[in-house]
N, C-alpha and C. Protein backbone atom coordinates (compact mmCIF):
# COMPACT_ATOMS: atom_id res chain seq x y z
N MET A 1 -42.30 -46.46 35.99
CA MET A 1 -43.30 -46.33 36.93
C MET A 1 -43.25 -47.13 38.16
N SER A 2 -43.54 -46.56 39.55
CA SER A 2 -43.28 -47.51 40.40
C SER A 2 -44.28 -48.35 40.42
N ASP A 3 -43.90 -49.82 40.81
CA ASP A 3 -45.17 -50.75 41.04
C ASP A 3 -45.34 -50.99 42.42
N ALA A 4 -45.16 -50.08 43.69
CA ALA A 4 -45.32 -50.32 44.94
C ALA A 4 -46.64 -50.70 45.14
N ASN A 5 -47.68 -50.21 44.31
CA ASN A 5 -49.08 -50.41 44.64
C ASN A 5 -49.57 -50.81 43.20
N PRO A 6 -50.25 -51.97 43.33
CA PRO A 6 -50.71 -52.47 42.12
C PRO A 6 -51.75 -51.62 41.29
N ALA A 7 -51.62 -51.63 40.18
CA ALA A 7 -52.35 -50.59 39.24
C ALA A 7 -53.77 -50.59 39.52
N GLY A 8 -54.45 -51.36 39.90
CA GLY A 8 -55.94 -51.58 40.11
C GLY A 8 -56.27 -50.69 41.24
N ASP A 9 -55.34 -50.45 42.36
CA ASP A 9 -55.63 -49.85 43.45
C ASP A 9 -55.56 -48.27 43.36
N TRP A 10 -54.91 -47.80 42.36
CA TRP A 10 -54.59 -46.19 42.22
C TRP A 10 -56.09 -45.87 41.66
N PRO A 11 -56.20 -44.26 42.13
CA PRO A 11 -57.19 -43.60 41.25
C PRO A 11 -57.55 -43.71 39.79
N PRO A 12 -58.59 -43.36 39.38
CA PRO A 12 -58.64 -43.53 37.68
C PRO A 12 -57.73 -42.74 37.02
N ASN A 13 -57.30 -41.54 37.65
CA ASN A 13 -56.42 -40.65 36.95
C ASN A 13 -54.73 -41.26 36.94
N ILE A 14 -54.57 -42.09 37.78
CA ILE A 14 -53.15 -42.68 37.83
C ILE A 14 -53.19 -43.76 37.01
N GLN A 15 -54.38 -44.56 37.19
CA GLN A 15 -54.36 -45.81 36.17
C GLN A 15 -54.19 -45.49 34.78
N ALA A 16 -54.94 -44.16 34.42
CA ALA A 16 -55.06 -43.77 32.95
C ALA A 16 -53.48 -43.45 32.88
N VAL A 17 -52.37 -43.00 33.57
CA VAL A 17 -51.20 -42.73 33.24
C VAL A 17 -50.36 -44.17 33.06
N PHE A 18 -50.81 -44.92 33.89
CA PHE A 18 -50.14 -46.57 33.58
C PHE A 18 -50.62 -46.97 32.40
N LYS A 19 -51.93 -46.95 31.97
CA LYS A 19 -52.49 -47.37 30.68
C LYS A 19 -51.75 -46.75 29.70
N ARG A 20 -51.73 -45.29 29.43
CA ARG A 20 -50.96 -44.70 28.47
C ARG A 20 -50.76 -43.55 28.89
N MET A 21 -49.44 -43.37 28.89
CA MET A 21 -48.80 -42.00 29.75
C MET A 21 -48.71 -41.19 28.45
N ALA A 22 -49.04 -39.63 28.81
CA ALA A 22 -48.85 -38.68 27.64
C ALA A 22 -47.55 -38.74 27.14
N PRO A 23 -47.44 -38.39 25.88
CA PRO A 23 -46.04 -38.34 25.47
C PRO A 23 -45.00 -37.30 26.18
N ALA A 24 -45.74 -36.00 26.42
CA ALA A 24 -44.86 -34.95 26.98
C ALA A 24 -44.40 -35.57 28.45
N SER A 25 -45.34 -36.27 29.08
CA SER A 25 -44.80 -36.77 30.48
C SER A 25 -43.74 -37.70 30.65
N ARG A 26 -44.07 -38.48 29.28
CA ARG A 26 -42.90 -39.75 29.06
C ARG A 26 -41.56 -38.94 28.64
N TYR A 27 -41.65 -37.96 27.91
CA TYR A 27 -40.53 -37.02 27.57
C TYR A 27 -39.65 -36.52 28.73
N LEU A 28 -40.49 -36.13 29.72
CA LEU A 28 -40.01 -35.50 30.96
C LEU A 28 -39.44 -36.30 31.92
N GLY A 29 -39.66 -37.83 31.73
CA GLY A 29 -39.40 -38.77 32.49
C GLY A 29 -40.05 -38.96 33.87
N LEU A 30 -41.53 -39.05 33.76
CA LEU A 30 -42.25 -39.11 34.76
C LEU A 30 -42.22 -40.40 35.21
N GLU A 31 -42.26 -40.58 36.69
CA GLU A 31 -42.45 -41.89 37.36
C GLU A 31 -43.48 -41.65 38.57
N ILE A 32 -44.54 -42.46 38.76
CA ILE A 32 -45.29 -41.94 39.63
C ILE A 32 -45.00 -42.91 40.92
N LEU A 33 -44.72 -42.38 42.30
CA LEU A 33 -44.34 -42.93 43.44
C LEU A 33 -45.57 -43.19 44.42
N GLU A 34 -46.19 -42.10 44.66
CA GLU A 34 -47.25 -42.32 45.80
C GLU A 34 -48.27 -41.32 45.02
N ALA A 35 -49.78 -41.97 45.57
CA ALA A 35 -50.93 -40.99 45.22
C ALA A 35 -51.88 -41.42 46.40
N ASP A 36 -52.26 -40.35 47.22
CA ASP A 36 -53.07 -40.42 48.48
C ASP A 36 -54.12 -39.55 48.06
N LYS A 37 -55.38 -40.45 47.64
CA LYS A 37 -56.67 -39.97 47.23
C LYS A 37 -57.27 -38.85 48.44
N GLU A 38 -57.38 -39.66 49.43
CA GLU A 38 -58.06 -39.01 50.82
C GLU A 38 -57.42 -37.63 51.08
N ASN A 39 -56.01 -37.40 51.01
CA ASN A 39 -55.32 -36.23 51.19
C ASN A 39 -55.12 -35.26 50.22
N ARG A 40 -55.33 -35.96 48.91
CA ARG A 40 -55.39 -35.41 47.73
C ARG A 40 -53.71 -34.75 47.62
N THR A 41 -52.83 -35.90 47.57
CA THR A 41 -51.29 -35.29 47.31
C THR A 41 -50.84 -36.37 46.78
N VAL A 42 -49.91 -36.12 45.62
CA VAL A 42 -49.20 -37.10 45.13
C VAL A 42 -47.43 -36.64 45.25
N LYS A 43 -46.93 -37.88 44.98
CA LYS A 43 -45.43 -37.86 44.79
C LYS A 43 -45.01 -38.55 43.61
N VAL A 44 -44.10 -37.91 42.94
CA VAL A 44 -43.69 -38.60 41.44
C VAL A 44 -42.15 -38.22 41.52
N ALA A 45 -41.60 -38.96 40.59
CA ALA A 45 -40.09 -38.63 40.00
C ALA A 45 -39.89 -38.27 38.81
N PHE A 46 -39.10 -37.32 38.30
CA PHE A 46 -38.90 -37.01 36.67
C PHE A 46 -37.38 -37.52 36.65
N ASN A 47 -37.11 -38.39 35.74
CA ASN A 47 -35.81 -38.73 35.59
C ASN A 47 -35.26 -37.88 34.32
N ALA A 48 -34.83 -36.82 34.61
CA ALA A 48 -34.58 -35.79 33.74
C ALA A 48 -33.48 -35.92 33.06
N THR A 49 -33.33 -35.87 31.85
CA THR A 49 -32.04 -36.47 30.75
C THR A 49 -31.54 -34.73 30.35
N ALA A 50 -30.57 -35.00 29.61
CA ALA A 50 -29.87 -33.75 29.02
C ALA A 50 -30.87 -33.36 27.97
N ASP A 51 -31.63 -33.77 27.59
CA ASP A 51 -32.55 -33.54 26.22
C ASP A 51 -33.46 -32.24 26.66
N LEU A 52 -33.58 -32.13 28.13
CA LEU A 52 -34.45 -30.99 28.79
C LEU A 52 -33.68 -29.92 28.99
N CYS A 53 -32.30 -29.74 28.59
CA CYS A 53 -31.56 -28.66 29.04
C CYS A 53 -31.39 -27.79 27.86
N ASN A 54 -31.08 -26.38 28.48
CA ASN A 54 -30.77 -25.29 27.47
C ASN A 54 -29.35 -25.28 27.24
N MET A 55 -28.66 -24.35 26.64
CA MET A 55 -27.27 -24.47 26.00
C MET A 55 -26.29 -24.55 27.14
N TRP A 56 -26.83 -23.92 28.40
CA TRP A 56 -25.95 -23.96 29.50
C TRP A 56 -25.91 -25.15 30.79
N GLY A 57 -26.74 -25.91 30.18
CA GLY A 57 -26.79 -27.36 31.01
C GLY A 57 -27.46 -27.31 32.02
N GLY A 58 -28.66 -26.25 32.09
CA GLY A 58 -29.69 -26.27 33.16
C GLY A 58 -30.84 -26.70 32.45
N ILE A 59 -31.70 -27.31 33.38
CA ILE A 59 -33.09 -27.63 32.67
C ILE A 59 -33.80 -26.41 32.22
N GLN A 60 -34.28 -26.42 30.88
CA GLN A 60 -35.00 -25.04 30.30
C GLN A 60 -36.45 -24.95 31.24
N GLY A 61 -36.47 -23.76 31.52
CA GLY A 61 -37.70 -23.28 32.35
C GLY A 61 -39.01 -23.89 32.00
N GLY A 62 -39.27 -23.91 30.84
CA GLY A 62 -40.43 -24.49 30.35
C GLY A 62 -40.65 -25.79 30.72
N MET A 63 -39.48 -26.47 30.82
CA MET A 63 -39.63 -28.12 31.13
C MET A 63 -39.91 -28.11 32.64
N VAL A 64 -39.34 -27.23 33.46
CA VAL A 64 -39.53 -27.26 34.86
C VAL A 64 -41.00 -26.87 35.08
N ALA A 65 -41.56 -25.79 34.34
CA ALA A 65 -43.08 -25.52 34.43
C ALA A 65 -43.93 -26.81 34.05
N ALA A 66 -43.50 -27.37 32.98
CA ALA A 66 -44.27 -28.69 32.58
C ALA A 66 -44.15 -29.55 33.67
N MET A 67 -42.91 -29.93 34.06
CA MET A 67 -43.14 -30.76 35.37
C MET A 67 -44.10 -30.54 36.60
N LEU A 68 -43.99 -29.37 37.01
CA LEU A 68 -44.99 -28.86 37.92
C LEU A 68 -46.27 -28.92 37.34
N ASP A 69 -46.73 -28.67 36.31
CA ASP A 69 -48.03 -28.58 35.69
C ASP A 69 -48.44 -30.25 35.73
N ASP A 70 -47.59 -31.42 35.55
CA ASP A 70 -47.71 -32.55 35.41
C ASP A 70 -48.30 -33.00 36.92
N VAL A 71 -47.23 -32.53 38.01
CA VAL A 71 -47.58 -33.15 39.29
C VAL A 71 -48.90 -32.60 40.02
N MET A 72 -49.05 -31.14 39.71
CA MET A 72 -50.09 -30.50 40.33
C MET A 72 -51.50 -30.91 39.73
N SER A 73 -51.56 -31.52 38.30
CA SER A 73 -52.75 -32.07 37.56
C SER A 73 -52.74 -33.45 38.09
N LEU A 74 -51.69 -34.09 38.40
CA LEU A 74 -52.09 -35.45 38.97
C LEU A 74 -52.65 -35.41 40.56
N ALA A 75 -52.37 -34.52 41.06
CA ALA A 75 -52.92 -34.16 42.65
C ALA A 75 -54.77 -33.77 42.15
N VAL A 76 -54.60 -32.87 41.62
CA VAL A 76 -56.10 -32.23 41.45
C VAL A 76 -57.03 -33.14 40.90
N GLY A 77 -56.44 -34.24 40.07
CA GLY A 77 -57.15 -35.13 39.48
C GLY A 77 -57.30 -36.48 40.16
N LEU A 78 -56.96 -36.62 41.28
CA LEU A 78 -57.21 -37.73 42.15
C LEU A 78 -58.65 -38.09 42.66
N ASP A 79 -59.64 -37.20 42.50
CA ASP A 79 -60.86 -37.99 42.87
C ASP A 79 -61.88 -37.57 41.62
N LEU A 80 -61.41 -37.48 40.16
CA LEU A 80 -62.04 -37.55 39.22
C LEU A 80 -62.46 -39.16 38.79
N GLU A 81 -63.63 -39.17 38.16
CA GLU A 81 -64.21 -40.39 37.55
C GLU A 81 -63.74 -40.75 36.15
N TRP A 82 -63.84 -41.79 35.79
CA TRP A 82 -63.19 -42.05 34.31
C TRP A 82 -64.11 -41.32 33.53
N GLY A 83 -63.43 -40.62 32.37
CA GLY A 83 -63.96 -39.87 31.39
C GLY A 83 -64.06 -38.48 32.05
N GLN A 84 -63.41 -37.89 32.95
CA GLN A 84 -63.42 -36.67 33.39
C GLN A 84 -61.66 -36.27 33.24
N ILE A 85 -61.66 -34.89 33.00
CA ILE A 85 -60.37 -34.26 33.18
C ILE A 85 -60.16 -33.03 33.82
N SER A 86 -58.98 -32.57 34.17
CA SER A 86 -58.60 -31.27 34.85
C SER A 86 -57.62 -30.31 34.16
N PRO A 87 -58.33 -29.78 33.26
CA PRO A 87 -57.33 -28.69 32.33
C PRO A 87 -56.80 -27.63 33.44
N THR A 88 -55.41 -27.21 33.07
CA THR A 88 -55.16 -26.28 33.75
C THR A 88 -55.65 -24.87 33.34
N LEU A 89 -56.04 -24.05 34.30
CA LEU A 89 -56.56 -22.68 33.81
C LEU A 89 -55.47 -21.68 33.90
N GLU A 90 -54.76 -21.60 35.15
CA GLU A 90 -53.56 -20.77 35.23
C GLU A 90 -52.55 -21.44 35.89
N LEU A 91 -51.28 -21.16 35.69
CA LEU A 91 -50.41 -21.79 36.19
C LEU A 91 -49.03 -20.56 36.58
N LYS A 92 -48.74 -20.69 37.85
CA LYS A 92 -47.41 -19.88 38.16
C LYS A 92 -46.25 -20.60 38.88
N VAL A 93 -45.02 -20.38 38.30
CA VAL A 93 -44.06 -21.06 38.59
C VAL A 93 -42.81 -20.16 39.21
N SER A 94 -42.28 -20.55 40.32
CA SER A 94 -40.92 -19.55 40.67
C SER A 94 -39.99 -20.70 40.87
N MET A 95 -38.98 -20.33 40.07
CA MET A 95 -37.59 -21.00 40.04
C MET A 95 -36.74 -20.38 40.94
N LEU A 96 -36.32 -21.52 41.94
CA LEU A 96 -35.42 -20.96 42.95
C LEU A 96 -33.99 -21.52 42.85
N ASN A 97 -33.69 -22.67 42.15
CA ASN A 97 -32.31 -23.03 41.90
C ASN A 97 -32.24 -23.66 40.58
N ALA A 98 -31.24 -23.50 39.99
CA ALA A 98 -30.96 -24.40 38.65
C ALA A 98 -31.29 -25.91 38.74
N ALA A 99 -32.24 -26.30 37.96
CA ALA A 99 -32.46 -27.57 37.89
C ALA A 99 -31.48 -28.32 36.88
N ARG A 100 -30.96 -29.49 37.26
CA ARG A 100 -29.96 -30.21 36.41
C ARG A 100 -30.47 -31.80 35.95
N PRO A 101 -29.74 -32.31 35.02
CA PRO A 101 -30.26 -33.47 34.71
C PRO A 101 -30.16 -34.40 35.75
N GLY A 102 -31.10 -35.65 36.05
CA GLY A 102 -31.00 -36.36 37.34
C GLY A 102 -32.40 -36.88 37.73
N ARG A 103 -32.52 -37.12 38.83
CA ARG A 103 -33.84 -37.22 39.39
C ARG A 103 -34.23 -36.30 40.24
N ILE A 104 -35.53 -35.63 39.86
CA ILE A 104 -36.29 -34.52 40.49
C ILE A 104 -37.43 -35.25 41.13
N ILE A 105 -37.81 -34.91 42.27
CA ILE A 105 -38.90 -35.27 43.14
C ILE A 105 -40.02 -34.12 42.92
N GLY A 106 -41.16 -34.71 42.61
CA GLY A 106 -42.22 -33.46 42.50
C GLY A 106 -43.31 -34.05 43.41
N THR A 107 -43.73 -33.08 44.26
CA THR A 107 -44.95 -33.42 45.05
C THR A 107 -46.05 -32.33 44.78
N GLY A 108 -47.14 -32.92 44.79
CA GLY A 108 -48.24 -31.93 44.64
C GLY A 108 -49.36 -32.14 45.58
N ARG A 109 -50.30 -31.07 45.94
CA ARG A 109 -51.44 -31.06 47.04
C ARG A 109 -52.46 -30.16 46.61
N VAL A 110 -53.50 -30.68 46.72
CA VAL A 110 -54.89 -29.89 46.49
C VAL A 110 -54.90 -28.87 47.58
N ILE A 111 -54.99 -27.63 47.50
CA ILE A 111 -54.98 -26.58 48.42
C ILE A 111 -56.56 -26.57 48.68
N LYS A 112 -57.60 -26.31 47.69
CA LYS A 112 -59.00 -26.28 47.87
C LYS A 112 -59.69 -26.84 46.49
N ARG A 113 -60.67 -27.56 46.70
CA ARG A 113 -61.47 -28.05 45.40
C ARG A 113 -62.87 -27.71 45.73
N GLY A 114 -63.24 -27.06 44.62
CA GLY A 114 -64.70 -26.74 44.58
C GLY A 114 -65.44 -27.53 43.56
N LYS A 115 -66.79 -27.25 43.33
CA LYS A 115 -67.52 -27.88 42.38
C LYS A 115 -66.68 -28.01 40.76
N SER A 116 -66.34 -26.55 40.37
CA SER A 116 -65.91 -26.76 39.01
C SER A 116 -64.52 -26.43 38.94
N VAL A 117 -63.77 -25.99 39.94
CA VAL A 117 -62.56 -25.28 39.94
C VAL A 117 -61.77 -25.89 41.18
N GLY A 118 -60.45 -26.04 40.84
CA GLY A 118 -59.41 -26.79 41.99
C GLY A 118 -58.25 -25.70 42.13
N PHE A 119 -57.53 -25.58 43.09
CA PHE A 119 -56.34 -24.94 43.48
C PHE A 119 -55.32 -25.95 44.18
N ILE A 120 -54.44 -25.72 43.37
CA ILE A 120 -53.15 -26.64 43.82
C ILE A 120 -51.81 -26.03 43.83
N GLU A 121 -50.94 -26.79 44.90
CA GLU A 121 -49.63 -26.31 44.88
C GLU A 121 -48.77 -27.38 44.45
N GLY A 122 -47.58 -27.07 44.09
CA GLY A 122 -46.57 -28.42 43.94
C GLY A 122 -45.09 -27.94 44.13
N GLU A 123 -44.17 -28.81 44.26
CA GLU A 123 -42.78 -28.30 44.41
C GLU A 123 -41.91 -29.15 43.67
N LEU A 124 -40.71 -28.92 43.21
CA LEU A 124 -39.85 -29.96 42.70
C LEU A 124 -38.46 -29.75 43.64
N THR A 125 -37.91 -30.81 44.11
CA THR A 125 -36.65 -30.77 44.65
C THR A 125 -35.60 -31.97 43.80
N ASP A 126 -34.29 -31.74 43.92
CA ASP A 126 -33.54 -32.29 43.50
C ASP A 126 -33.04 -33.61 44.59
N GLU A 127 -33.24 -34.78 44.04
CA GLU A 127 -33.41 -35.93 44.93
C GLU A 127 -31.78 -36.00 45.60
N ALA A 128 -30.98 -35.92 45.03
CA ALA A 128 -29.60 -36.11 45.45
C ALA A 128 -29.13 -35.42 46.49
N SER A 129 -29.35 -33.92 46.22
CA SER A 129 -28.86 -32.71 47.15
C SER A 129 -30.15 -32.39 48.08
N GLY A 130 -31.39 -32.50 47.62
CA GLY A 130 -32.68 -32.35 48.64
C GLY A 130 -32.82 -31.00 48.32
N LYS A 131 -32.30 -30.04 47.65
CA LYS A 131 -32.38 -28.77 47.28
C LYS A 131 -33.66 -28.35 46.49
N LEU A 132 -34.44 -27.61 47.20
CA LEU A 132 -35.62 -27.04 46.36
C LEU A 132 -35.41 -26.23 45.39
N LEU A 133 -35.98 -26.88 44.15
CA LEU A 133 -35.62 -26.29 42.65
C LEU A 133 -36.76 -25.33 42.25
N ALA A 134 -38.02 -25.60 42.60
CA ALA A 134 -39.16 -24.74 42.06
C ALA A 134 -40.26 -25.11 42.78
N THR A 135 -41.08 -23.98 42.92
CA THR A 135 -42.50 -24.13 43.31
C THR A 135 -43.57 -23.57 42.43
N GLY A 136 -44.76 -24.22 42.61
CA GLY A 136 -45.66 -23.73 41.52
C GLY A 136 -47.04 -23.77 42.11
N SER A 137 -47.95 -22.96 41.64
CA SER A 137 -49.47 -23.01 42.04
C SER A 137 -50.19 -23.12 40.69
N SER A 138 -51.41 -23.65 40.77
CA SER A 138 -52.05 -23.67 39.47
C SER A 138 -53.68 -23.70 40.00
N THR A 139 -54.47 -23.32 38.94
CA THR A 139 -55.99 -23.39 38.94
C THR A 139 -56.47 -24.43 37.93
N ALA A 140 -57.07 -25.36 38.10
CA ALA A 140 -57.61 -26.23 37.25
C ALA A 140 -59.06 -26.03 37.20
N THR A 141 -59.70 -26.39 36.00
CA THR A 141 -61.29 -26.79 35.89
C THR A 141 -61.55 -28.11 35.72
N PHE A 142 -62.79 -28.59 35.97
CA PHE A 142 -63.06 -29.94 35.63
C PHE A 142 -64.15 -30.09 34.62
N VAL A 143 -63.68 -31.11 33.76
CA VAL A 143 -64.61 -31.32 32.32
C VAL A 143 -64.86 -32.90 32.39
N THR A 144 -66.02 -32.88 32.07
CA THR A 144 -66.63 -34.24 31.61
C THR A 144 -66.41 -34.19 30.02
N LEU A 145 -65.82 -35.41 29.56
CA LEU A 145 -65.77 -35.49 28.19
C LEU A 145 -66.69 -36.26 27.46
N LYS A 146 -67.23 -35.68 26.28
CA LYS A 146 -68.31 -36.41 25.85
C LYS A 146 -67.97 -37.53 24.95
N LYS A 147 -68.64 -38.64 24.98
CA LYS A 147 -68.43 -40.00 24.28
C LYS A 147 -68.49 -39.79 22.97
N LYS A 148 -67.95 -40.37 22.00
CA LYS A 148 -67.96 -40.17 20.55
C LYS A 148 -69.00 -41.08 20.14
N ALA A 149 -69.97 -40.54 19.21
CA ALA A 149 -70.85 -41.30 18.69
C ALA A 149 -70.62 -42.43 17.76
N PRO A 150 -70.87 -43.76 17.72
CA PRO A 150 -70.71 -44.63 16.84
C PRO A 150 -70.82 -43.99 15.51
N GLU A 151 -69.85 -44.52 14.51
CA GLU A 151 -69.67 -44.00 13.23
C GLU A 151 -71.22 -44.30 12.53
N GLY A 152 -71.78 -43.57 11.86
CA GLY A 152 -72.98 -43.55 11.27
C GLY A 152 -74.18 -43.16 11.89
N GLU A 153 -73.97 -42.92 13.46
CA GLU A 153 -75.02 -42.40 14.37
C GLU A 153 -74.79 -40.82 14.00
N GLY A 154 -75.68 -39.91 14.14
CA GLY A 154 -76.02 -38.53 14.02
C GLY A 154 -76.04 -38.05 12.79
N ALA A 155 -75.41 -38.68 11.75
CA ALA A 155 -75.38 -38.50 10.40
C ALA A 155 -76.63 -38.44 9.47
N GLN A 156 -76.69 -36.99 8.89
CA GLN A 156 -77.94 -37.12 8.28
C GLN A 156 -77.92 -37.59 6.83
N ALA A 157 -79.06 -38.24 6.17
CA ALA A 157 -78.74 -38.58 4.93
C ALA A 157 -79.21 -37.58 3.92
């Protein structure tokens, strides 16, 4: 992950990634580059390895979709508070060019954010060639997680 910005200056959802990245994001090679809370935009890199490829050497489409889901989820989550998450309700992906192993740049931006739902767009480009690989759009909802009760509380004798 980029350390261009001290971890304490990042929004809570980005700090959470620095603290404990999801295994799927780690597998995809996620690296956070920029997060603009005011404009609700993010820029990330995926250091894609051959482990993400299909038998023909291209990055498998589900992995491309997962990259877009990651970048759009990061964008829509920029103004969430600690203890809130933004699960994806719907995801659309358009594959424009074959993605290959290497560094892939992802950008995400919130198009509209309501009280309970957000609409997001994202794109992936090959860093070396600048070629647009895939675009996506998604809808997310906002959920506040419940705190776990300490052991012994709430149990009936």
